[in-house]
Amino acid sequence: MAKKPSDLQIAPPTCGELITVLSIDGGGIRGIIPATILEFFESQLQELDGEDARLADYFDVIAGTSTGGLVTAMLTAPDDNNRPLFAAKDIKPFYLENCPKIFPQDRGLFGTITKKIKTVTGPKYDGNYLHSIIKEKLGERRLNQTLTAVVIPTFDIKKLQPTIFSSFEVSEDPTMNALLSDICIGTSAAPTYLPTYYFKNEDKDGNVREFNLTDGGVAANNPALIAIGEITKHVSKKNSDISPIKPIDYGRLLLISIGTGAAKVEQKYNANVAAKWGALGWIFNDGSTPLVDVFSQASGDMVDLHLGIVFQSLHPEENYLRIQDDGLTGTVSSVDIATQENLNNIVMAGEDLLNKPVSRMNLETGFTEPVKNGVTNAEALKK
């Protein structure tokens, strides 16, 4: 079992010449889906290397956006014994316990009216509980303390550009060495759902940097390409522990990318209806947020499409595994309907996804389609 250093440099590859990457999409309460997948995956590793094995031991880089950023921090933040603060099996119970408090549900006709008013006048949720529970769990741990390299995208609303919190950049820019709690709150600040997040960070020399952050999904809801970009920049430097990698040298990458599901099959929007929407219609429509759905789904699919083509054309196709479900329906596809019934249904969606065949994005149809070998996601993870 590979052992990770706590310094700022990426460790020598865990699988010989392969550089291993785990990427986790954004998706609100649907973070339960990758949590379920990762619990299974870690259990398989524990069968090989013992019950103390953790995902951070096997991946050179773990990347996550929004809810995926929180999962990333939970998997890589150190405890008092310099081991991961959370095992993968702890993440699903965390979501089931805390999501109803993060996204409290208004009930009845009055609740529906109140929700619409909130959507127009401000964020649907105040974020207070989310902020407090993240700060409680992650404490004073900072980016440079993670047990393996992490990459967490956010978007700075003041600068109108992405801000990428990366273990690789901290040594060059210490002002980026923020608290993991601040990073997670920032990357999770989904527009219309949660308030944008301001904080400032000071390095030991007194240099101060300010951050005005909204959801990382604005920049990259699927952070896999961002992670690869950070790796490529890092290992091209002379002081890297890894021999130089060419920008298209994907054959040295082993990438597992886990989505949070989508409602494509349901096709809940169409042009005739959307043609009548004004600003409010794009922001709020029958309990969902079309504008957020559109930009998050589009960016995620384009990343998957690009990676699928690149890995296939360069012949290490088996080095890329994308686990995603385009068939979510009803409230299971929501990011914030945190009733106990719906949360349990999302757990079942994650369990069902393990038994579905490995799929690839087909841009012509707009859906993921099973690959020819018929291997399930669970079987692929075991390999």
Protein backbone atom coordinates (compact mmCIF):
# COMPACT_ATOMS: atom_id res chain seq x y z
CA MET A 1 0.00 0.00 0.00
CA ALA A 2 1.45 3.33 -1.06
CA LYS A 3 2.19 5.86 1.61
CA LYS A 4 1.68 9.57 1.01
CA PRO A 5 3.86 12.39 2.31
CA SER A 6 2.35 15.41 3.99
CA ASP A 7 4.55 17.90 2.12
CA LEU A 8 3.53 19.95 -0.87
CA GLN A 9 5.10 17.79 -3.56
CA ILE A 10 3.28 14.98 -5.30
CA ALA A 11 4.54 11.60 -4.19
CA PRO A 12 6.23 9.20 -6.59
CA PRO A 13 3.48 7.45 -8.56
CA THR A 14 1.57 4.84 -6.61
CA CYS A 15 1.38 2.44 -9.56
CA GLY A 16 4.86 2.47 -11.07
CA GLU A 17 4.86 4.90 -13.98
CA LEU A 18 1.10 5.51 -13.71
CA ILE A 19 -0.16 8.72 -12.11
CA THR A 20 -3.46 7.94 -10.39
CA VAL A 21 -6.27 10.51 -10.32
CA LEU A 22 -9.70 10.44 -8.67
CA SER A 23 -12.20 13.11 -9.76
CA ILE A 24 -15.59 13.83 -8.14
CA ASP A 25 -18.28 16.03 -9.73
CA GLY A 26 -20.48 18.63 -8.10
CA GLY A 27 -24.18 18.05 -7.49
CA GLY A 28 -25.45 19.08 -4.05
CA ILE A 29 -27.18 16.29 -2.13
CA ARG A 30 -26.42 13.97 -5.04
CA GLY A 31 -22.91 13.79 -3.56
CA ILE A 32 -24.45 10.72 -1.91
CA ILE A 33 -23.99 8.89 -5.23
CA PRO A 34 -20.16 9.19 -5.38
CA ALA A 35 -20.08 8.61 -1.61
CA THR A 36 -21.81 5.27 -2.19
CA ILE A 37 -19.47 4.38 -5.07
CA LEU A 38 -16.38 5.32 -3.05
CA GLU A 39 -17.52 3.31 -0.03
CA PHE A 40 -17.65 0.21 -2.23
CA PHE A 41 -14.32 1.03 -3.86
CA GLU A 42 -12.51 1.52 -0.56
CA SER A 43 -13.96 -1.73 0.79
CA GLN A 44 -12.43 -3.56 -2.17
CA LEU A 45 -9.04 -2.01 -1.46
CA GLN A 46 -9.38 -3.00 2.19
CA GLU A 47 -9.89 -6.62 1.15
CA LEU A 48 -6.47 -6.40 -0.50
CA ASP A 49 -4.52 -4.33 2.04
CA GLY A 50 -6.41 -4.45 5.34
CA GLU A 51 -9.06 -2.40 7.07
CA ASP A 52 -6.78 0.62 7.53
CA ALA A 53 -6.48 1.17 3.76
CA ARG A 54 -7.89 4.51 2.59
CA LEU A 55 -8.45 6.00 -0.86
CA ALA A 56 -5.86 8.71 -0.21
CA ASP A 57 -3.25 5.95 -0.05
CA TYR A 58 -3.86 4.99 -3.68
CA PHE A 59 -4.32 8.26 -5.55
CA ASP A 60 -1.63 10.77 -6.41
CA VAL A 61 -4.31 13.43 -6.92
CA ILE A 62 -7.94 13.72 -5.78
CA ALA A 63 -10.03 16.49 -7.35
CA GLY A 64 -13.53 17.63 -6.48
CA THR A 65 -15.97 20.41 -7.31
CA SER A 66 -18.69 21.74 -5.01
CA THR A 67 -20.06 18.74 -3.09
CA GLY A 68 -17.20 16.77 -4.66
CA GLY A 69 -14.77 19.28 -3.16
CA LEU A 70 -16.17 18.56 0.27
CA VAL A 71 -15.81 14.82 -0.29
CA THR A 72 -12.23 15.41 -1.46
CA ALA A 73 -11.37 17.31 1.71
CA MET A 74 -12.99 14.68 3.92
CA LEU A 75 -10.99 11.90 2.26
CA THR A 76 -7.64 13.72 2.46
CA ALA A 77 -7.67 15.91 5.58
CA PRO A 78 -5.43 14.41 8.30
CA ASP A 79 -6.57 13.32 11.73
CA ASP A 80 -4.36 13.48 14.84
CA ASN A 81 -2.53 10.34 13.67
CA ASN A 82 -1.89 11.77 10.20
CA ARG A 83 -4.39 9.41 8.63
CA PRO A 84 -7.52 10.44 6.68
CA LEU A 85 -10.07 12.21 8.86
CA PHE A 86 -12.92 10.29 7.19
CA ALA A 87 -13.06 6.81 5.75
CA ALA A 88 -15.17 6.53 2.60
CA LYS A 89 -17.85 4.67 4.58
CA ASP A 90 -18.27 7.73 6.84
CA ILE A 91 -19.26 10.14 4.06
CA LYS A 92 -22.71 8.77 3.21
CA PRO A 93 -23.87 8.89 6.86
CA PHE A 94 -22.53 12.46 7.05
CA TYR A 95 -24.74 13.46 4.12
CA LEU A 96 -27.79 11.61 5.40
CA GLU A 97 -27.50 13.26 8.81
CA ASN A 98 -26.65 16.80 7.73
CA CYS A 99 -28.34 17.43 4.37
CA PRO A 100 -31.81 17.97 5.92
CA LYS A 101 -30.26 20.69 8.10
CA ILE A 102 -28.25 22.24 5.26
CA PHE A 103 -31.31 22.27 2.95
CA PRO A 104 -34.34 22.54 5.28
CA GLN A 105 -37.55 21.80 3.41
CA ASP A 106 -40.55 24.15 3.44
CA ARG A 107 -43.76 22.18 3.31
CA GLY A 108 -47.25 22.87 1.97
CA LEU A 109 -48.57 25.71 -0.20
CA PHE A 110 -47.11 28.37 2.09
CA GLY A 111 -43.74 26.66 1.90
CA THR A 112 -43.83 26.65 -1.91
CA ILE A 113 -44.67 30.36 -2.01
CA THR A 114 -41.93 31.12 0.51
CA LYS A 115 -39.40 29.18 -1.57
CA LYS A 116 -40.29 31.17 -4.71
CA ILE A 117 -39.95 34.44 -2.84
CA LYS A 118 -36.56 33.39 -1.49
CA THR A 119 -35.40 32.53 -4.99
CA VAL A 120 -36.23 36.04 -6.21
CA THR A 121 -34.95 37.98 -3.20
CA GLY A 122 -31.84 36.00 -2.29
CA PRO A 123 -30.32 32.53 -1.95
CA LYS A 124 -32.80 29.77 -1.23
CA TYR A 125 -30.78 28.74 1.88
CA ASP A 126 -28.74 30.88 4.26
CA GLY A 127 -25.81 28.45 4.44
CA ASN A 128 -25.32 28.94 8.18
CA TYR A 129 -25.54 25.27 9.10
CA LEU A 130 -23.37 24.22 6.16
CA HIS A 131 -20.68 26.69 7.17
CA SER A 132 -20.74 25.63 10.80
CA ILE A 133 -20.63 21.87 10.18
CA ILE A 134 -17.78 22.18 7.65
CA LYS A 135 -15.77 24.34 10.04
CA GLU A 136 -16.48 21.93 12.88
CA LYS A 137 -15.36 18.85 10.94
CA LEU A 138 -12.32 20.30 9.15
CA GLY A 139 -11.17 22.64 11.91
CA GLU A 140 -7.91 24.52 11.30
CA ARG A 141 -6.56 22.11 8.69
CA ARG A 142 -5.10 23.82 5.63
CA LEU A 143 -4.56 22.95 2.00
CA ASN A 144 -0.88 22.06 2.48
CA GLN A 145 -1.77 19.40 5.07
CA THR A 146 -3.79 17.04 2.86
CA LEU A 147 -2.48 13.49 2.77
CA THR A 148 -2.31 13.45 -1.00
CA ALA A 149 -2.44 16.23 -3.57
CA VAL A 150 -5.87 17.80 -4.07
CA VAL A 151 -7.38 20.11 -6.69
CA ILE A 152 -10.59 22.00 -5.87
CA PRO A 153 -12.01 24.54 -8.37
CA THR A 154 -13.96 27.61 -7.30
CA PHE A 155 -15.01 30.77 -9.15
CA ASP A 156 -14.13 34.28 -7.97
CA ILE A 157 -17.17 36.44 -8.66
CA LYS A 158 -15.21 39.68 -8.19
CA LYS A 159 -12.46 38.76 -10.67
CA LEU A 160 -14.87 36.81 -12.90
CA GLN A 161 -12.38 33.99 -13.26
CA PRO A 162 -11.76 30.53 -11.83
CA THR A 163 -9.69 30.18 -8.67
CA ILE A 164 -8.14 26.72 -8.40
CA PHE A 165 -7.04 25.58 -4.97
CA SER A 166 -4.26 23.14 -5.76
CA SER A 167 -1.69 21.43 -3.57
CA PHE A 168 0.82 22.04 -6.36
CA GLU A 169 0.50 25.82 -6.21
CA VAL A 170 0.81 26.38 -2.47
CA SER A 171 4.61 26.32 -2.36
CA GLU A 172 4.77 29.00 -5.04
CA ASP A 173 1.93 31.14 -3.68
CA PRO A 174 1.49 30.71 0.09
CA THR A 175 -1.53 33.04 0.06
CA MET A 176 -3.42 30.14 -1.54
CA ASN A 177 -2.79 27.97 1.54
CA ALA A 178 -6.30 28.53 2.83
CA LEU A 179 -8.26 26.62 5.43
CA LEU A 180 -9.90 23.55 3.90
CA SER A 181 -13.16 24.68 5.48
CA ASP A 182 -13.04 28.02 3.62
CA ILE A 183 -12.23 26.26 0.35
CA CYS A 184 -15.12 23.81 0.77
CA ILE A 185 -17.61 26.54 1.65
CA GLY A 186 -16.46 28.54 -1.37
CA THR A 187 -16.67 25.71 -3.90
CA SER A 188 -20.12 24.71 -2.57
CA ALA A 189 -21.72 28.19 -2.83
CA ALA A 190 -24.10 27.26 -5.65
CA PRO A 191 -25.73 30.29 -7.31
CA THR A 192 -29.38 30.80 -6.22
CA TYR A 193 -29.02 28.05 -3.59
CA LEU A 194 -26.33 29.29 -1.21
CA PRO A 195 -24.68 32.67 -0.61
CA THR A 196 -21.35 33.55 -2.18
CA TYR A 197 -18.49 33.35 0.29
CA TYR A 198 -15.87 35.94 1.18
CA PHE A 199 -12.71 35.29 3.14
CA LYS A 200 -9.12 36.45 3.16
CA ASN A 201 -5.97 34.50 3.78
CA GLU A 202 -2.62 35.74 5.10
CA ASP A 203 0.70 33.99 4.65
CA LYS A 204 3.53 33.99 7.21
CA ASP A 205 5.10 37.05 5.58
CA GLY A 206 1.95 39.10 6.05
CA ASN A 207 0.79 38.98 2.42
CA VAL A 208 -2.99 38.98 2.25
CA ARG A 209 -5.23 37.62 -0.50
CA GLU A 210 -8.98 38.11 -0.70
CA PHE A 211 -11.44 35.61 -2.14
CA ASN A 212 -15.02 36.25 -3.32
CA LEU A 213 -16.16 32.76 -4.21
CA THR A 214 -19.10 31.01 -5.76
CA ASP A 215 -19.65 27.38 -6.75
CA GLY A 216 -16.76 25.63 -8.47
CA GLY A 217 -19.31 24.19 -10.90
CA VAL A 218 -19.36 27.58 -12.62
CA ALA A 219 -15.80 26.81 -13.73
CA ALA A 220 -15.69 23.01 -13.88
CA ASN A 221 -18.48 20.85 -12.52
CA ASN A 222 -16.40 17.88 -13.68
CA PRO A 223 -12.89 18.75 -12.43
CA ALA A 224 -11.00 15.93 -14.17
CA LEU A 225 -9.38 18.14 -16.83
CA ILE A 226 -8.43 20.74 -14.23
CA ALA A 227 -6.65 18.00 -12.25
CA ILE A 228 -4.79 16.80 -15.35
CA GLY A 229 -3.75 20.37 -16.11
CA GLU A 230 -2.35 20.81 -12.61
CA ILE A 231 -0.43 17.53 -12.88
CA THR A 232 1.00 18.47 -16.27
CA LYS A 233 2.20 21.84 -14.97
CA HIS A 234 3.75 20.28 -11.90
CA VAL A 235 5.60 17.33 -13.33
CA SER A 236 7.10 19.41 -16.13
CA LYS A 237 9.17 21.25 -13.51
CA LYS A 238 12.72 20.17 -12.86
CA ASN A 239 12.19 19.61 -9.14
CA SER A 240 9.33 17.15 -9.62
CA ASP A 241 9.53 13.66 -8.13
CA ILE A 242 8.04 12.34 -11.38
CA SER A 243 9.83 12.27 -14.71
CA PRO A 244 8.49 14.88 -17.17
CA ILE A 245 5.12 14.22 -18.75
CA LYS A 246 4.18 15.53 -22.16
CA PRO A 247 0.88 17.42 -22.46
CA ILE A 248 -0.69 14.52 -24.39
CA ASP A 249 1.03 11.70 -22.50
CA TYR A 250 -2.29 10.36 -21.22
CA GLY A 251 -0.92 6.83 -21.28
CA ARG A 252 0.70 7.51 -17.91
CA LEU A 253 -2.59 8.54 -16.31
CA LEU A 254 -5.10 6.31 -14.58
CA LEU A 255 -8.26 8.36 -14.09
CA ILE A 256 -11.45 7.46 -12.26
CA SER A 257 -14.12 10.14 -12.66
CA ILE A 258 -17.35 9.87 -10.68
CA GLY A 259 -20.45 11.89 -11.51
CA THR A 260 -23.41 12.76 -9.33
CA GLY A 261 -26.08 11.77 -11.85
CA ALA A 262 -28.30 13.74 -14.21
CA ALA A 263 -31.91 13.83 -15.42
CA LYS A 264 -31.20 13.68 -19.16
CA VAL A 265 -33.54 10.78 -19.85
CA GLU A 266 -36.38 12.61 -18.17
CA GLN A 267 -35.93 15.57 -20.59
CA LYS A 268 -37.72 17.93 -18.23
CA TYR A 269 -37.05 21.03 -20.35
CA ASN A 270 -37.83 21.79 -24.02
CA ALA A 271 -37.40 24.74 -26.37
CA ASN A 272 -41.10 25.59 -26.62
CA VAL A 273 -41.36 26.00 -22.87
CA ALA A 274 -37.96 27.65 -22.39
CA ALA A 275 -38.72 30.18 -25.16
CA LYS A 276 -41.24 31.79 -22.82
CA TRP A 277 -38.89 32.07 -19.85
CA GLY A 278 -37.60 35.37 -18.62
CA ALA A 279 -34.95 35.77 -15.95
CA LEU A 280 -37.15 34.20 -13.27
CA GLY A 281 -38.03 31.21 -15.45
CA TRP A 282 -34.37 30.40 -16.07
CA ILE A 283 -33.63 30.75 -12.37
CA PHE A 284 -36.62 28.85 -11.00
CA ASN A 285 -38.87 26.37 -12.82
CA ASP A 286 -41.05 23.83 -11.06
CA GLY A 287 -38.64 23.36 -8.17
CA SER A 288 -35.48 23.22 -10.28
CA THR A 289 -32.99 25.77 -11.58
CA PRO A 290 -32.60 25.40 -15.36
CA LEU A 291 -29.70 27.84 -15.71
CA VAL A 292 -27.63 26.01 -13.11
CA ASP A 293 -28.58 22.62 -14.60
CA VAL A 294 -27.55 23.75 -18.08
CA PHE A 295 -24.09 25.11 -17.29
CA SER A 296 -23.16 22.34 -14.85
CA GLN A 297 -24.32 19.53 -17.14
CA ALA A 298 -22.76 21.08 -20.24
CA SER A 299 -19.33 21.50 -18.70
CA GLY A 300 -19.36 18.02 -17.21
CA ASP A 301 -20.36 16.35 -20.47
CA MET A 302 -17.77 18.21 -22.52
CA VAL A 303 -15.00 17.11 -20.16
CA ASP A 304 -16.20 13.49 -20.34
CA LEU A 305 -16.44 13.66 -24.13
CA HIS A 306 -12.93 15.09 -24.47
CA LEU A 307 -11.35 12.58 -22.13
CA GLY A 308 -13.15 9.65 -23.70
CA ILE A 309 -11.89 10.60 -27.17
CA VAL A 310 -8.33 11.29 -26.01
CA PHE A 311 -7.93 8.10 -23.99
CA GLN A 312 -9.48 6.05 -26.79
CA SER A 313 -7.40 7.57 -29.58
CA LEU A 314 -4.13 7.25 -27.66
CA HIS A 315 -4.95 3.62 -26.80
CA PRO A 316 -4.92 3.62 -23.00
CA GLU A 317 -8.75 3.49 -23.04
CA GLU A 318 -8.83 1.15 -20.05
CA ASN A 319 -7.04 3.84 -18.00
CA TYR A 320 -10.16 6.05 -17.98
CA LEU A 321 -13.29 5.08 -16.07
CA ARG A 322 -16.25 7.45 -15.95
CA ILE A 323 -19.09 6.42 -13.64
CA GLN A 324 -22.23 8.45 -14.30
CA ASP A 325 -26.00 7.91 -14.45
CA ASP A 326 -28.02 9.96 -16.97
CA GLY A 327 -31.28 8.32 -15.94
CA LEU A 328 -32.24 10.04 -12.70
CA THR A 329 -35.90 11.01 -12.51
CA GLY A 330 -38.12 13.13 -10.31
CA THR A 331 -36.76 14.51 -7.07
CA VAL A 332 -33.76 12.14 -7.15
CA SER A 333 -32.24 14.46 -9.77
CA SER A 334 -32.57 17.53 -7.52
CA VAL A 335 -29.61 19.07 -5.72
CA ASP A 336 -31.49 20.15 -2.60
CA ILE A 337 -34.69 18.17 -1.89
CA ALA A 338 -33.34 16.70 1.31
CA THR A 339 -36.33 14.74 2.58
CA GLN A 340 -35.43 11.44 4.18
CA GLU A 341 -37.30 9.57 1.46
CA ASN A 342 -35.43 11.33 -1.32
CA LEU A 343 -32.04 10.91 0.34
CA ASN A 344 -32.69 7.17 0.67
CA ASN A 345 -33.68 7.05 -3.00
CA ILE A 346 -30.39 8.72 -3.94
CA VAL A 347 -28.53 6.06 -1.95
CA MET A 348 -30.36 3.41 -3.98
CA ALA A 349 -29.45 5.24 -7.19
CA GLY A 350 -25.78 5.04 -6.19
CA GLU A 351 -26.08 1.33 -5.38
CA ASP A 352 -27.85 0.67 -8.68
CA LEU A 353 -25.14 2.57 -10.56
CA LEU A 354 -22.53 0.11 -9.32
CA ASN A 355 -24.38 -2.67 -11.14
CA LYS A 356 -24.85 -0.75 -14.40
CA PRO A 357 -22.43 -1.27 -17.31
CA VAL A 358 -19.49 1.05 -17.88
CA SER A 359 -20.66 3.76 -20.32
CA ARG A 360 -19.22 6.46 -22.56
CA MET A 361 -20.65 9.80 -23.65
CA ASN A 362 -22.12 9.93 -27.17
CA LEU A 363 -22.39 13.56 -28.25
CA GLU A 364 -24.77 12.71 -31.11
CA THR A 365 -27.39 11.21 -28.82
CA GLY A 366 -26.53 13.30 -25.78
CA PHE A 367 -26.51 10.22 -23.55
CA THR A 368 -23.96 7.86 -22.12
CA GLU A 369 -24.00 4.46 -23.80
CA PRO A 370 -22.66 1.10 -22.53
CA VAL A 371 -19.25 0.04 -23.82
CA LYS A 372 -19.05 -3.22 -25.73
CA ASN A 373 -17.50 -5.44 -23.07
CA GLY A 374 -20.53 -5.21 -20.78
CA VAL A 375 -18.41 -4.85 -17.60
CA THR A 376 -20.27 -3.23 -14.72
CA ASN A 377 -18.95 -0.24 -12.83
CA ALA A 378 -18.40 -2.43 -9.77
CA GLU A 379 -16.39 -4.94 -11.79
CA ALA A 380 -14.33 -2.16 -13.35
CA LEU A 381 -13.48 -0.75 -9.91
CA LYS A 382 -12.38 -4.20 -8.74
CA LYS A 383 -9.88 -4.33 -11.60
